[in-house]
C-alpha cells in the first residue's frame, strides 16, 4: 500500500514556493501519495498518524495551534517529518516550548512579546539564494554531502542567535549554516526522520529534479511502522 504524506500548509499558488510544491508532488515515487491540507482544515490526530508530514512555507498559518500540536506528537512519537521555511521555524518554537519548557517561546512574526526563539533575520532573504553548508556527521550531510550548495529562501525569520546555544544544548542538532541566515537546518538524534530546513528544497522540482532531501523524506515515510 502506498505511503501517505500530508503536505500541511495554506496553499496559495501566487507564491512560487507553493507552485514548486505542486511540481514536487508530481515527482514523488509511485508508492508515495501526497495531498495538501490547509491548516484550518487539519485535524491533529490525522496529521499525527500519517506516514509522512511535511509542514510547508506560508506563515502566519491560519491555524498555528494545529501545526504545533502535530509537530509535538510527531517529534515525540518518532514519525517521519519534514519542515521547510515556516515549518522549520515552527519546529524550533515547538521544541522550545514543549521540550525545554521555555513557556514564553515564540515567533517574532506572530508574537508581540515573550521570548523570540525565532526572530527577524539581519536582512531579508525573500527570493534570495545563499550557499548552505551542511555539518559533517549530520543526517543532512549524509543525504546531500558536505559541500556547500545553493539554497533558495523566501523568508524574513530564522533561529535567534540569543537562543541558538540553549536550544542546541537541549537537544536540537544544527546541521547546516549559511551567511545571513545563520542556522539552516535542524534534526533530532535518535529520531528516524525529523528534519527542518530554512532553505526550500522543493524549488529544484521546477526544473524537474526531486531534491535529495525530499527523496530521503519520501523513503523515510515508507519505513514508518
N, C-alpha and C. Protein backbone atom coordinates (compact mmCIF):
# COMPACT_ATOMS: atom_id res chain seq x y z
N UNK A 1 0.84 -1.18 0.00
CA UNK A 1 0.00 0.00 0.00
C UNK A 1 0.89 1.24 0.00
N UNK A 2 0.55 2.25 -0.82
CA UNK A 2 1.39 3.45 -0.87
C UNK A 2 1.45 4.16 0.49
N UNK A 3 2.59 4.77 0.75
CA UNK A 3 2.73 5.60 1.95
C UNK A 3 1.97 6.90 1.74
N UNK A 4 1.34 7.38 2.79
CA UNK A 4 0.56 8.61 2.69
C UNK A 4 1.34 9.77 3.30
N UNK A 5 1.43 10.86 2.55
CA UNK A 5 2.11 12.07 3.01
C UNK A 5 1.13 13.22 2.99
N UNK A 6 1.04 13.93 4.09
CA UNK A 6 0.24 15.14 4.17
C UNK A 6 1.15 16.34 4.05
N UNK A 7 0.80 17.23 3.13
CA UNK A 7 1.51 18.48 2.96
C UNK A 7 0.70 19.55 3.67
N UNK A 8 1.17 19.96 4.82
CA UNK A 8 0.40 20.86 5.67
C UNK A 8 0.78 22.31 5.40
N UNK A 9 -0.18 23.06 4.88
CA UNK A 9 0.08 24.47 4.59
C UNK A 9 -1.13 25.09 3.92
N UNK A 10 -1.15 26.39 3.92
CA UNK A 10 -2.28 27.13 3.37
C UNK A 10 -1.94 27.53 1.93
N UNK A 11 -2.34 26.67 1.00
CA UNK A 11 -1.90 26.74 -0.39
C UNK A 11 -2.32 28.04 -1.06
N UNK A 12 -1.34 28.67 -1.70
CA UNK A 12 -1.58 29.90 -2.44
C UNK A 12 -0.63 29.91 -3.62
N UNK A 13 -1.14 29.63 -4.80
CA UNK A 13 -0.27 29.46 -5.96
C UNK A 13 0.29 30.77 -6.51
N UNK A 14 -0.02 31.89 -5.88
CA UNK A 14 0.68 33.11 -6.28
C UNK A 14 2.14 33.06 -5.83
N UNK A 15 2.43 32.18 -4.87
CA UNK A 15 3.80 32.02 -4.39
C UNK A 15 4.52 30.94 -5.20
N UNK A 16 5.69 31.28 -5.71
CA UNK A 16 6.45 30.31 -6.49
C UNK A 16 6.82 29.09 -5.65
N UNK A 17 7.01 29.31 -4.35
CA UNK A 17 7.37 28.20 -3.47
C UNK A 17 6.24 27.18 -3.37
N UNK A 18 5.00 27.62 -3.46
CA UNK A 18 3.87 26.69 -3.42
C UNK A 18 3.68 26.02 -4.79
N UNK A 19 3.95 26.74 -5.84
CA UNK A 19 3.90 26.09 -7.16
C UNK A 19 4.98 25.02 -7.25
N UNK A 20 6.11 25.26 -6.59
CA UNK A 20 7.17 24.26 -6.57
C UNK A 20 6.76 23.02 -5.79
N UNK A 21 5.96 23.20 -4.75
CA UNK A 21 5.43 22.03 -4.02
C UNK A 21 4.55 21.20 -4.93
N UNK A 22 3.69 21.86 -5.70
CA UNK A 22 2.86 21.13 -6.66
C UNK A 22 3.72 20.34 -7.63
N UNK A 23 4.80 20.94 -8.10
CA UNK A 23 5.71 20.24 -9.02
C UNK A 23 6.38 19.06 -8.34
N UNK A 24 6.67 19.21 -7.04
CA UNK A 24 7.30 18.13 -6.28
C UNK A 24 6.38 16.93 -6.17
N UNK A 25 5.12 17.18 -5.94
CA UNK A 25 4.15 16.07 -5.83
C UNK A 25 4.21 15.19 -7.06
N UNK A 26 4.33 15.81 -8.23
CA UNK A 26 4.35 15.05 -9.48
C UNK A 26 5.62 14.21 -9.63
N UNK A 27 6.67 14.53 -8.87
CA UNK A 27 7.93 13.81 -8.99
C UNK A 27 8.12 12.74 -7.91
N UNK A 28 7.21 12.66 -6.96
CA UNK A 28 7.36 11.67 -5.89
C UNK A 28 7.23 10.26 -6.44
N UNK A 29 7.86 9.28 -5.79
CA UNK A 29 7.74 7.89 -6.23
C UNK A 29 6.29 7.42 -6.27
N UNK A 30 6.03 6.44 -7.11
CA UNK A 30 4.66 5.94 -7.27
C UNK A 30 4.08 5.36 -5.99
N UNK A 31 4.95 4.90 -5.09
CA UNK A 31 4.44 4.29 -3.86
C UNK A 31 4.30 5.30 -2.72
N UNK A 32 4.31 6.59 -3.05
CA UNK A 32 4.07 7.65 -2.07
C UNK A 32 2.98 8.56 -2.63
N UNK A 33 1.88 8.69 -1.89
CA UNK A 33 0.81 9.60 -2.29
C UNK A 33 0.83 10.81 -1.38
N UNK A 34 0.67 11.99 -1.98
CA UNK A 34 0.76 13.23 -1.21
C UNK A 34 -0.42 14.13 -1.50
N UNK A 35 -0.90 14.82 -0.48
CA UNK A 35 -2.02 15.72 -0.67
C UNK A 35 -1.88 16.93 0.25
N UNK A 36 -2.25 18.09 -0.28
CA UNK A 36 -2.27 19.33 0.51
C UNK A 36 -3.41 19.28 1.51
N UNK A 37 -3.17 19.80 2.70
CA UNK A 37 -4.22 20.01 3.70
C UNK A 37 -3.98 21.39 4.31
N UNK A 38 -4.99 22.25 4.28
CA UNK A 38 -4.87 23.56 4.89
C UNK A 38 -4.83 23.46 6.40
N UNK A 39 -4.12 24.38 7.03
CA UNK A 39 -4.03 24.31 8.49
C UNK A 39 -5.39 24.53 9.15
N UNK A 40 -6.28 25.25 8.48
CA UNK A 40 -7.61 25.47 9.03
C UNK A 40 -8.55 24.31 8.74
N UNK A 41 -8.08 23.33 7.96
CA UNK A 41 -8.86 22.15 7.65
C UNK A 41 -8.35 20.91 8.37
N UNK A 42 -7.21 21.05 9.03
CA UNK A 42 -6.49 19.89 9.54
C UNK A 42 -7.02 19.43 10.89
N UNK A 43 -6.89 18.13 11.13
CA UNK A 43 -7.18 17.53 12.42
C UNK A 43 -5.89 16.95 12.97
N UNK A 44 -5.56 17.29 14.19
CA UNK A 44 -4.28 16.90 14.78
C UNK A 44 -4.07 15.39 14.75
N UNK A 45 -5.11 14.61 15.02
CA UNK A 45 -4.96 13.16 15.05
C UNK A 45 -4.56 12.61 13.68
N UNK A 46 -5.18 13.14 12.63
CA UNK A 46 -4.86 12.70 11.27
C UNK A 46 -3.42 13.08 10.92
N UNK A 47 -3.04 14.29 11.26
CA UNK A 47 -1.68 14.75 10.97
C UNK A 47 -0.65 13.91 11.71
N UNK A 48 -0.95 13.56 12.93
CA UNK A 48 0.00 12.81 13.75
C UNK A 48 0.18 11.38 13.26
N UNK A 49 -0.86 10.82 12.63
CA UNK A 49 -0.81 9.41 12.26
C UNK A 49 -0.39 9.15 10.82
N UNK A 50 -0.27 10.19 9.99
CA UNK A 50 0.12 9.99 8.59
C UNK A 50 1.52 9.38 8.51
N UNK A 51 1.79 8.67 7.42
CA UNK A 51 3.13 8.10 7.24
C UNK A 51 4.19 9.19 7.19
N UNK A 52 3.86 10.30 6.55
CA UNK A 52 4.78 11.42 6.48
C UNK A 52 4.04 12.73 6.60
N UNK A 53 4.65 13.70 7.26
CA UNK A 53 4.08 15.04 7.36
C UNK A 53 5.14 16.04 6.94
N UNK A 54 4.78 16.88 5.97
CA UNK A 54 5.66 17.95 5.51
C UNK A 54 4.97 19.26 5.85
N UNK A 55 5.55 20.02 6.79
CA UNK A 55 5.00 21.31 7.19
C UNK A 55 5.64 22.38 6.30
N UNK A 56 4.78 23.06 5.54
CA UNK A 56 5.23 23.87 4.41
C UNK A 56 5.40 25.35 4.74
N UNK A 57 6.00 26.10 3.81
CA UNK A 57 6.10 27.55 3.96
C UNK A 57 4.72 28.20 3.89
N UNK A 58 4.70 29.50 4.24
CA UNK A 58 3.47 30.26 4.11
C UNK A 58 2.90 30.67 5.45
N UNK A 59 3.65 31.45 6.21
CA UNK A 59 3.21 31.90 7.53
C UNK A 59 2.82 33.37 7.46
N UNK A 60 2.00 33.81 8.40
CA UNK A 60 1.45 33.04 9.52
C UNK A 60 0.38 32.06 9.06
N UNK A 61 0.36 30.90 9.71
CA UNK A 61 -0.63 29.87 9.37
C UNK A 61 -2.02 30.30 9.84
N UNK A 62 -3.04 29.83 9.12
CA UNK A 62 -4.41 30.13 9.52
C UNK A 62 -4.74 29.50 10.87
N UNK A 63 -4.15 28.33 11.14
CA UNK A 63 -4.34 27.67 12.44
C UNK A 63 -3.00 27.18 12.94
N UNK A 64 -2.30 28.06 13.64
CA UNK A 64 -0.97 27.70 14.15
C UNK A 64 -1.04 26.60 15.20
N UNK A 65 -2.11 26.57 15.99
CA UNK A 65 -2.21 25.60 17.09
C UNK A 65 -2.18 24.17 16.58
N UNK A 66 -2.86 23.91 15.47
CA UNK A 66 -2.89 22.54 14.96
C UNK A 66 -1.52 22.14 14.41
N UNK A 67 -0.78 23.11 13.86
CA UNK A 67 0.58 22.84 13.40
C UNK A 67 1.48 22.46 14.57
N UNK A 68 1.40 23.24 15.64
CA UNK A 68 2.24 23.00 16.79
C UNK A 68 1.95 21.65 17.45
N UNK A 69 0.68 21.29 17.56
CA UNK A 69 0.33 20.01 18.18
C UNK A 69 0.78 18.85 17.31
N UNK A 70 0.62 18.98 15.99
CA UNK A 70 1.08 17.91 15.10
C UNK A 70 2.58 17.72 15.20
N UNK A 71 3.34 18.82 15.25
CA UNK A 71 4.79 18.71 15.38
C UNK A 71 5.19 18.07 16.70
N UNK A 72 4.51 18.47 17.76
CA UNK A 72 4.82 17.88 19.08
C UNK A 72 4.65 16.37 19.05
N UNK A 73 3.53 15.93 18.51
CA UNK A 73 3.26 14.49 18.52
C UNK A 73 4.21 13.73 17.61
N UNK A 74 4.50 14.28 16.46
CA UNK A 74 5.39 13.57 15.54
C UNK A 74 6.82 13.55 16.07
N UNK A 75 7.22 14.60 16.74
CA UNK A 75 8.56 14.61 17.35
C UNK A 75 8.66 13.56 18.44
N UNK A 76 7.66 13.47 19.28
CA UNK A 76 7.73 12.55 20.41
C UNK A 76 7.39 11.11 20.04
N UNK A 77 6.65 10.92 18.96
CA UNK A 77 6.23 9.58 18.56
C UNK A 77 7.12 8.98 17.47
N UNK A 78 8.11 9.74 17.00
CA UNK A 78 9.09 9.18 16.08
C UNK A 78 8.60 8.94 14.67
N UNK A 79 7.74 9.82 14.16
CA UNK A 79 7.19 9.64 12.82
C UNK A 79 7.84 10.64 11.85
N UNK A 80 8.00 10.20 10.60
CA UNK A 80 8.74 10.97 9.60
C UNK A 80 8.13 12.35 9.38
N UNK A 81 8.98 13.37 9.54
CA UNK A 81 8.52 14.75 9.47
C UNK A 81 9.57 15.62 8.79
N UNK A 82 9.10 16.44 7.85
CA UNK A 82 9.94 17.42 7.19
C UNK A 82 9.30 18.79 7.39
N UNK A 83 10.10 19.79 7.70
CA UNK A 83 9.60 21.16 7.80
C UNK A 83 10.49 22.07 7.00
N UNK A 84 9.90 22.92 6.16
CA UNK A 84 10.70 23.84 5.36
C UNK A 84 10.22 25.27 5.58
N UNK A 85 11.16 26.18 5.73
CA UNK A 85 10.91 27.60 5.96
C UNK A 85 10.01 27.77 7.18
N UNK A 86 8.73 28.12 7.01
CA UNK A 86 7.85 28.27 8.16
C UNK A 86 7.73 27.00 8.98
N UNK A 87 7.79 25.85 8.32
CA UNK A 87 7.74 24.58 9.04
C UNK A 87 8.96 24.42 9.94
N UNK A 88 10.13 24.74 9.41
CA UNK A 88 11.37 24.72 10.19
C UNK A 88 11.26 25.65 11.40
N UNK A 89 10.77 26.85 11.15
CA UNK A 89 10.66 27.83 12.23
C UNK A 89 9.74 27.34 13.34
N UNK A 90 8.64 26.70 12.98
CA UNK A 90 7.70 26.22 13.99
C UNK A 90 8.22 24.97 14.70
N UNK A 91 9.08 24.20 14.06
CA UNK A 91 9.76 23.11 14.75
C UNK A 91 10.59 23.67 15.91
N UNK A 92 11.26 24.79 15.65
CA UNK A 92 12.09 25.42 16.69
C UNK A 92 11.22 25.89 17.85
N UNK A 93 10.13 26.58 17.54
CA UNK A 93 9.26 27.09 18.59
C UNK A 93 8.63 25.96 19.40
N UNK A 94 8.15 24.93 18.70
CA UNK A 94 7.52 23.80 19.40
C UNK A 94 8.50 23.13 20.35
N UNK A 95 9.74 22.93 19.90
CA UNK A 95 10.74 22.28 20.74
C UNK A 95 11.04 23.14 21.96
N UNK A 96 11.19 24.44 21.74
CA UNK A 96 11.50 25.35 22.85
C UNK A 96 10.39 25.31 23.90
N UNK A 97 9.15 25.30 23.47
CA UNK A 97 8.04 25.31 24.41
C UNK A 97 7.85 23.98 25.13
N UNK A 98 7.85 22.91 24.36
CA UNK A 98 7.43 21.62 24.92
C UNK A 98 8.56 20.72 25.38
N UNK A 99 9.74 20.84 24.79
CA UNK A 99 10.88 20.02 25.22
C UNK A 99 11.73 20.75 26.25
N UNK A 100 11.85 22.08 26.11
CA UNK A 100 12.69 22.84 27.02
C UNK A 100 11.91 23.68 28.00
N UNK A 101 10.58 23.67 27.87
CA UNK A 101 9.70 24.39 28.80
C UNK A 101 10.01 25.88 28.87
N UNK A 102 10.39 26.46 27.74
CA UNK A 102 10.51 27.92 27.64
C UNK A 102 9.10 28.43 27.36
N UNK A 103 8.36 28.71 28.39
CA UNK A 103 6.93 28.94 28.27
C UNK A 103 6.59 30.13 27.37
N UNK A 104 7.45 31.14 27.34
CA UNK A 104 7.17 32.30 26.52
C UNK A 104 7.75 32.21 25.12
N UNK A 105 8.28 31.03 24.74
CA UNK A 105 8.93 30.88 23.45
C UNK A 105 7.95 31.20 22.32
N UNK A 106 8.40 32.03 21.40
CA UNK A 106 7.50 32.43 20.33
C UNK A 106 8.23 32.78 19.05
N UNK A 107 7.43 33.19 18.08
CA UNK A 107 7.88 33.55 16.73
C UNK A 107 7.62 35.04 16.56
N UNK A 108 8.63 35.78 16.20
CA UNK A 108 8.52 37.24 16.12
C UNK A 108 7.48 37.70 15.11
N UNK A 109 7.14 36.86 14.16
CA UNK A 109 6.14 37.24 13.16
C UNK A 109 4.75 37.34 13.76
N UNK A 110 4.48 36.51 14.80
CA UNK A 110 3.12 36.43 15.33
C UNK A 110 3.01 36.75 16.81
N UNK A 111 4.13 36.78 17.54
CA UNK A 111 4.11 37.03 18.98
C UNK A 111 4.71 38.40 19.28
N UNK A 112 3.89 39.27 19.84
CA UNK A 112 4.36 40.62 20.15
C UNK A 112 5.36 40.64 21.31
N UNK A 113 5.13 39.76 22.29
CA UNK A 113 6.02 39.72 23.46
C UNK A 113 6.67 38.36 23.60
N UNK A 114 7.18 38.07 24.79
CA UNK A 114 7.75 36.76 25.04
C UNK A 114 9.17 36.63 24.53
N UNK A 115 9.63 35.40 24.48
CA UNK A 115 10.99 35.08 24.08
C UNK A 115 10.99 34.63 22.63
N UNK A 116 11.51 35.44 21.76
CA UNK A 116 11.50 35.13 20.33
C UNK A 116 12.65 34.17 20.00
N UNK A 117 12.37 32.88 20.07
CA UNK A 117 13.38 31.90 19.67
C UNK A 117 13.53 31.90 18.16
N UNK A 118 12.51 32.34 17.46
CA UNK A 118 12.58 32.62 16.02
C UNK A 118 12.39 34.12 15.86
N UNK A 119 13.40 34.78 15.32
CA UNK A 119 13.39 36.24 15.26
C UNK A 119 13.68 36.70 13.84
N UNK A 120 13.52 38.00 13.63
CA UNK A 120 13.76 38.57 12.30
C UNK A 120 15.25 38.44 11.95
N UNK A 121 15.52 38.05 10.72
CA UNK A 121 16.89 37.94 10.25
C UNK A 121 17.52 39.33 10.09
N UNK A 122 18.83 39.36 10.03
CA UNK A 122 19.54 40.64 9.89
C UNK A 122 19.24 41.31 8.56
N UNK A 123 18.86 40.50 7.55
CA UNK A 123 18.44 41.05 6.26
C UNK A 123 17.41 40.12 5.66
N UNK A 124 16.54 40.66 4.84
CA UNK A 124 15.51 39.84 4.21
C UNK A 124 16.13 38.85 3.23
N UNK A 125 15.61 37.62 3.27
CA UNK A 125 16.05 36.61 2.31
C UNK A 125 14.91 36.19 1.38
N UNK A 126 13.96 37.07 1.20
CA UNK A 126 12.84 36.78 0.29
C UNK A 126 13.37 36.76 -1.15
N UNK A 127 13.26 35.59 -1.77
CA UNK A 127 13.73 35.43 -3.14
C UNK A 127 15.24 35.37 -3.28
N UNK A 128 15.95 35.14 -2.16
CA UNK A 128 17.41 35.15 -2.17
C UNK A 128 17.98 33.72 -2.11
N UNK A 129 19.14 33.57 -2.70
CA UNK A 129 19.88 32.30 -2.65
C UNK A 129 21.15 32.50 -1.83
N UNK A 130 21.44 31.54 -0.96
CA UNK A 130 22.67 31.56 -0.17
C UNK A 130 23.32 30.19 -0.25
N UNK A 131 24.64 30.15 -0.08
CA UNK A 131 25.34 28.88 -0.04
C UNK A 131 25.15 28.23 1.33
N UNK A 132 24.52 27.07 1.33
CA UNK A 132 24.23 26.33 2.54
C UNK A 132 25.32 25.29 2.75
N UNK A 133 25.91 25.28 3.96
CA UNK A 133 26.99 24.34 4.27
C UNK A 133 26.53 23.33 5.30
N UNK A 134 26.36 22.05 4.91
CA UNK A 134 25.97 21.03 5.88
C UNK A 134 27.07 20.75 6.89
N UNK A 135 26.68 20.28 8.06
CA UNK A 135 27.62 19.92 9.12
C UNK A 135 27.97 18.45 8.97
N UNK A 136 29.25 18.16 8.90
CA UNK A 136 29.71 16.78 8.76
C UNK A 136 29.16 15.92 9.89
N UNK A 137 28.75 14.71 9.56
CA UNK A 137 28.22 13.79 10.55
C UNK A 137 26.73 13.88 10.78
N UNK A 138 26.09 14.88 10.19
CA UNK A 138 24.65 15.05 10.36
C UNK A 138 23.88 14.19 9.35
N UNK A 139 22.60 14.00 9.61
CA UNK A 139 21.76 13.29 8.66
C UNK A 139 21.68 14.06 7.35
N UNK A 140 21.59 15.38 7.45
CA UNK A 140 21.53 16.18 6.22
C UNK A 140 22.76 15.96 5.37
N UNK A 141 23.94 15.95 6.01
CA UNK A 141 25.18 15.72 5.26
C UNK A 141 25.20 14.32 4.65
N UNK A 142 24.65 13.36 5.35
CA UNK A 142 24.55 12.00 4.81
C UNK A 142 23.71 11.98 3.54
N UNK A 143 22.71 12.85 3.49
CA UNK A 143 21.79 12.88 2.35
C UNK A 143 22.36 13.68 1.18
N UNK A 144 22.90 14.86 1.47
CA UNK A 144 23.30 15.77 0.39
C UNK A 144 24.81 15.96 0.27
N UNK A 145 25.59 15.40 1.21
CA UNK A 145 27.03 15.59 1.19
C UNK A 145 27.43 16.80 2.03
N UNK A 146 28.74 17.04 2.11
CA UNK A 146 29.23 18.11 2.98
C UNK A 146 29.62 19.37 2.21
N UNK A 147 29.55 19.33 0.88
CA UNK A 147 29.92 20.50 0.09
C UNK A 147 28.81 21.54 0.12
N UNK A 148 29.15 22.83 0.20
CA UNK A 148 28.13 23.87 0.14
C UNK A 148 27.31 23.77 -1.15
N UNK A 149 26.04 24.14 -1.05
CA UNK A 149 25.16 24.12 -2.22
C UNK A 149 24.23 25.33 -2.15
N UNK A 150 23.71 25.79 -3.29
CA UNK A 150 22.82 26.95 -3.28
C UNK A 150 21.44 26.57 -2.74
N UNK A 151 20.96 27.35 -1.79
CA UNK A 151 19.63 27.13 -1.22
C UNK A 151 18.76 28.36 -1.44
N UNK A 152 17.57 28.14 -1.98
CA UNK A 152 16.64 29.24 -2.23
C UNK A 152 15.85 29.55 -0.96
N UNK A 153 15.67 30.84 -0.69
CA UNK A 153 14.95 31.26 0.51
C UNK A 153 13.81 32.20 0.13
N UNK A 154 12.80 32.18 0.97
CA UNK A 154 11.69 33.12 0.83
C UNK A 154 11.23 33.47 2.24
N UNK A 155 12.12 34.12 3.00
CA UNK A 155 11.84 34.28 4.42
C UNK A 155 12.48 35.55 4.98
N UNK A 156 11.94 35.95 6.13
CA UNK A 156 12.49 37.06 6.90
C UNK A 156 12.87 36.66 8.32
N UNK A 157 12.66 35.38 8.67
CA UNK A 157 12.83 34.94 10.06
C UNK A 157 13.68 33.68 10.12
N UNK A 158 14.42 33.56 11.24
CA UNK A 158 15.24 32.38 11.46
C UNK A 158 15.50 32.19 12.93
N UNK A 159 16.36 31.23 13.27
CA UNK A 159 16.68 30.93 14.66
C UNK A 159 17.38 32.13 15.28
N UNK A 160 16.90 32.56 16.45
CA UNK A 160 17.52 33.69 17.14
C UNK A 160 18.89 33.28 17.66
N UNK A 161 19.93 34.05 17.34
CA UNK A 161 21.26 33.74 17.88
C UNK A 161 21.28 33.71 19.41
N UNK A 162 20.39 34.46 20.05
CA UNK A 162 20.36 34.51 21.51
C UNK A 162 19.94 33.18 22.12
N UNK A 163 19.25 32.34 21.36
CA UNK A 163 18.77 31.06 21.88
C UNK A 163 19.44 29.86 21.22
N UNK A 164 20.31 30.13 20.27
CA UNK A 164 20.89 29.05 19.49
C UNK A 164 21.61 28.02 20.36
N UNK A 165 22.45 28.47 21.29
CA UNK A 165 23.21 27.54 22.13
C UNK A 165 22.29 26.79 23.09
N UNK A 166 21.33 27.49 23.68
CA UNK A 166 20.41 26.84 24.62
C UNK A 166 19.61 25.75 23.93
N UNK A 167 19.12 26.01 22.74
CA UNK A 167 18.35 25.02 22.00
C UNK A 167 19.23 23.82 21.62
N UNK A 168 20.48 24.10 21.27
CA UNK A 168 21.40 23.03 20.92
C UNK A 168 21.71 22.15 22.14
N UNK A 169 21.99 22.79 23.28
CA UNK A 169 22.25 22.01 24.49
C UNK A 169 21.03 21.18 24.88
N UNK A 170 19.85 21.70 24.57
CA UNK A 170 18.61 21.00 24.93
C UNK A 170 18.28 19.82 24.04
N UNK A 171 18.96 19.69 22.89
CA UNK A 171 18.73 18.51 22.07
C UNK A 171 18.51 18.73 20.60
N UNK A 172 18.28 19.98 20.17
CA UNK A 172 18.20 20.22 18.73
C UNK A 172 19.60 20.20 18.14
N UNK A 173 19.74 19.54 17.02
CA UNK A 173 21.04 19.49 16.35
C UNK A 173 21.01 20.39 15.13
N UNK A 174 21.89 21.38 15.11
CA UNK A 174 22.00 22.26 13.95
C UNK A 174 22.85 21.57 12.90
N UNK A 175 22.30 21.36 11.72
CA UNK A 175 23.01 20.54 10.73
C UNK A 175 23.38 21.28 9.45
N UNK A 176 23.17 22.62 9.42
CA UNK A 176 23.66 23.41 8.28
C UNK A 176 23.61 24.89 8.66
N UNK A 177 24.46 25.65 8.00
CA UNK A 177 24.52 27.09 8.24
C UNK A 177 24.72 27.81 6.90
N UNK A 178 24.38 29.11 6.88
CA UNK A 178 24.59 29.91 5.68
C UNK A 178 24.76 31.38 6.07
N UNK A 179 25.48 32.15 5.26
CA UNK A 179 25.61 33.58 5.52
C UNK A 179 24.24 34.27 5.57
N UNK A 180 24.09 35.21 6.47
CA UNK A 180 22.86 35.99 6.67
C UNK A 180 21.74 35.19 7.34
N UNK A 181 21.67 33.90 7.08
CA UNK A 181 20.59 33.09 7.62
C UNK A 181 20.94 32.46 8.96
N UNK A 182 22.23 32.22 9.20
CA UNK A 182 22.63 31.50 10.41
C UNK A 182 22.28 30.03 10.29
N UNK A 183 21.48 29.52 11.22
CA UNK A 183 21.10 28.10 11.20
C UNK A 183 20.19 27.83 10.01
N UNK A 184 20.57 26.85 9.22
CA UNK A 184 19.81 26.49 8.03
C UNK A 184 19.05 25.17 8.15
N UNK A 185 19.44 24.34 9.12
CA UNK A 185 18.78 23.03 9.22
C UNK A 185 18.87 22.51 10.64
N UNK A 186 17.87 21.72 11.02
CA UNK A 186 17.85 21.09 12.33
C UNK A 186 17.44 19.63 12.18
N UNK A 187 17.83 18.84 13.15
CA UNK A 187 17.40 17.44 13.23
C UNK A 187 17.47 16.99 14.67
N UNK A 188 17.01 15.78 14.92
CA UNK A 188 16.99 15.22 16.27
C UNK A 188 17.71 13.88 16.27
N UNK A 189 18.75 13.75 17.07
CA UNK A 189 19.42 12.46 17.22
C UNK A 189 18.43 11.45 17.79
N UNK A 190 18.46 10.24 17.24
CA UNK A 190 17.60 9.17 17.74
C UNK A 190 16.22 9.13 17.12
N UNK A 191 15.86 10.16 16.36
CA UNK A 191 14.56 10.18 15.67
C UNK A 191 14.76 9.62 14.26
N UNK A 192 13.87 8.75 13.78
CA UNK A 192 14.06 8.18 12.44
C UNK A 192 14.19 9.23 11.34
N UNK A 193 13.36 10.27 11.39
CA UNK A 193 13.47 11.34 10.40
C UNK A 193 12.66 12.53 10.88
N UNK A 194 13.36 13.50 11.46
CA UNK A 194 12.74 14.75 11.90
C UNK A 194 13.71 15.84 11.50
N UNK A 195 13.44 16.47 10.36
CA UNK A 195 14.42 17.36 9.76
C UNK A 195 13.72 18.60 9.24
N UNK A 196 14.29 19.76 9.57
CA UNK A 196 13.75 21.02 9.10
C UNK A 196 14.83 21.85 8.45
N UNK A 197 14.43 22.62 7.43
CA UNK A 197 15.38 23.50 6.74
C UNK A 197 14.77 24.88 6.52
N UNK A 198 15.62 25.91 6.64
CA UNK A 198 15.18 27.25 6.31
C UNK A 198 15.13 27.42 4.79
N UNK A 199 16.07 26.81 4.08
CA UNK A 199 16.03 26.84 2.62
C UNK A 199 14.89 25.94 2.13
N UNK A 200 14.53 26.10 0.87
CA UNK A 200 13.34 25.41 0.35
C UNK A 200 13.73 24.40 -0.74
N UNK A 201 13.88 23.13 -0.35
CA UNK A 201 14.37 22.12 -1.29
C UNK A 201 13.43 21.81 -2.45
N UNK A 202 12.15 22.14 -2.30
CA UNK A 202 11.21 21.83 -3.36
C UNK A 202 11.46 22.63 -4.64
N UNK A 203 12.27 23.69 -4.55
CA UNK A 203 12.45 24.56 -5.71
C UNK A 203 13.11 23.86 -6.89
N UNK A 204 13.91 22.82 -6.64
CA UNK A 204 14.54 22.10 -7.75
C UNK A 204 13.50 21.38 -8.61
N UNK A 205 12.32 21.15 -8.05
CA UNK A 205 11.27 20.45 -8.80
C UNK A 205 10.80 21.26 -9.99
N UNK A 206 10.95 22.58 -9.94
CA UNK A 206 10.56 23.41 -11.08
C UNK A 206 11.43 23.12 -12.30
N UNK A 207 12.60 22.53 -12.07
CA UNK A 207 13.48 22.10 -13.16
C UNK A 207 13.37 20.60 -13.41
N UNK A 208 12.36 19.97 -12.80
CA UNK A 208 12.14 18.54 -13.00
C UNK A 208 13.02 17.64 -12.17
N UNK A 209 13.66 18.19 -11.12
CA UNK A 209 14.59 17.41 -10.29
C UNK A 209 14.07 17.33 -8.87
N UNK A 210 13.85 16.12 -8.38
CA UNK A 210 13.45 15.93 -6.99
C UNK A 210 14.68 16.09 -6.11
N UNK A 211 14.62 17.03 -5.18
CA UNK A 211 15.77 17.29 -4.31
C UNK A 211 16.09 16.04 -3.49
N UNK A 212 17.38 15.73 -3.28
CA UNK A 212 17.74 14.55 -2.49
C UNK A 212 17.11 14.53 -1.10
N UNK A 213 16.93 15.70 -0.49
CA UNK A 213 16.31 15.75 0.83
C UNK A 213 14.86 15.30 0.78
N UNK A 214 14.13 15.74 -0.24
CA UNK A 214 12.73 15.33 -0.38
C UNK A 214 12.66 13.83 -0.71
N UNK A 215 13.59 13.36 -1.53
CA UNK A 215 13.62 11.93 -1.84
C UNK A 215 13.89 11.10 -0.58
N UNK A 216 14.78 11.58 0.28
CA UNK A 216 15.07 10.88 1.53
C UNK A 216 13.86 10.89 2.46
N UNK A 217 13.15 12.01 2.50
CA UNK A 217 11.93 12.08 3.30
C UNK A 217 10.90 11.08 2.78
N UNK A 218 10.72 11.02 1.47
CA UNK A 218 9.77 10.06 0.90
C UNK A 218 10.16 8.62 1.27
N UNK A 219 11.44 8.33 1.22
CA UNK A 219 11.90 6.99 1.61
C UNK A 219 11.62 6.71 3.07
N UNK A 220 11.79 7.74 3.92
CA UNK A 220 11.54 7.57 5.35
C UNK A 220 10.06 7.29 5.64
N UNK A 221 9.17 7.85 4.84
CA UNK A 221 7.75 7.60 5.07
C UNK A 221 7.41 6.12 4.82
N UNK A 222 8.14 5.50 3.93
CA UNK A 222 7.88 4.09 3.63
C UNK A 222 8.42 3.18 4.74
N UNK A 223 9.33 3.72 5.56
CA UNK A 223 9.85 2.93 6.68
C UNK A 223 9.03 3.11 7.96
N UNK A 224 8.08 4.06 7.92
CA UNK A 224 7.29 4.33 9.12
C UNK A 224 6.42 3.11 9.44
N UNK A 225 6.48 2.61 10.70
CA UNK A 225 5.68 1.43 11.03
C UNK A 225 4.20 1.74 11.01
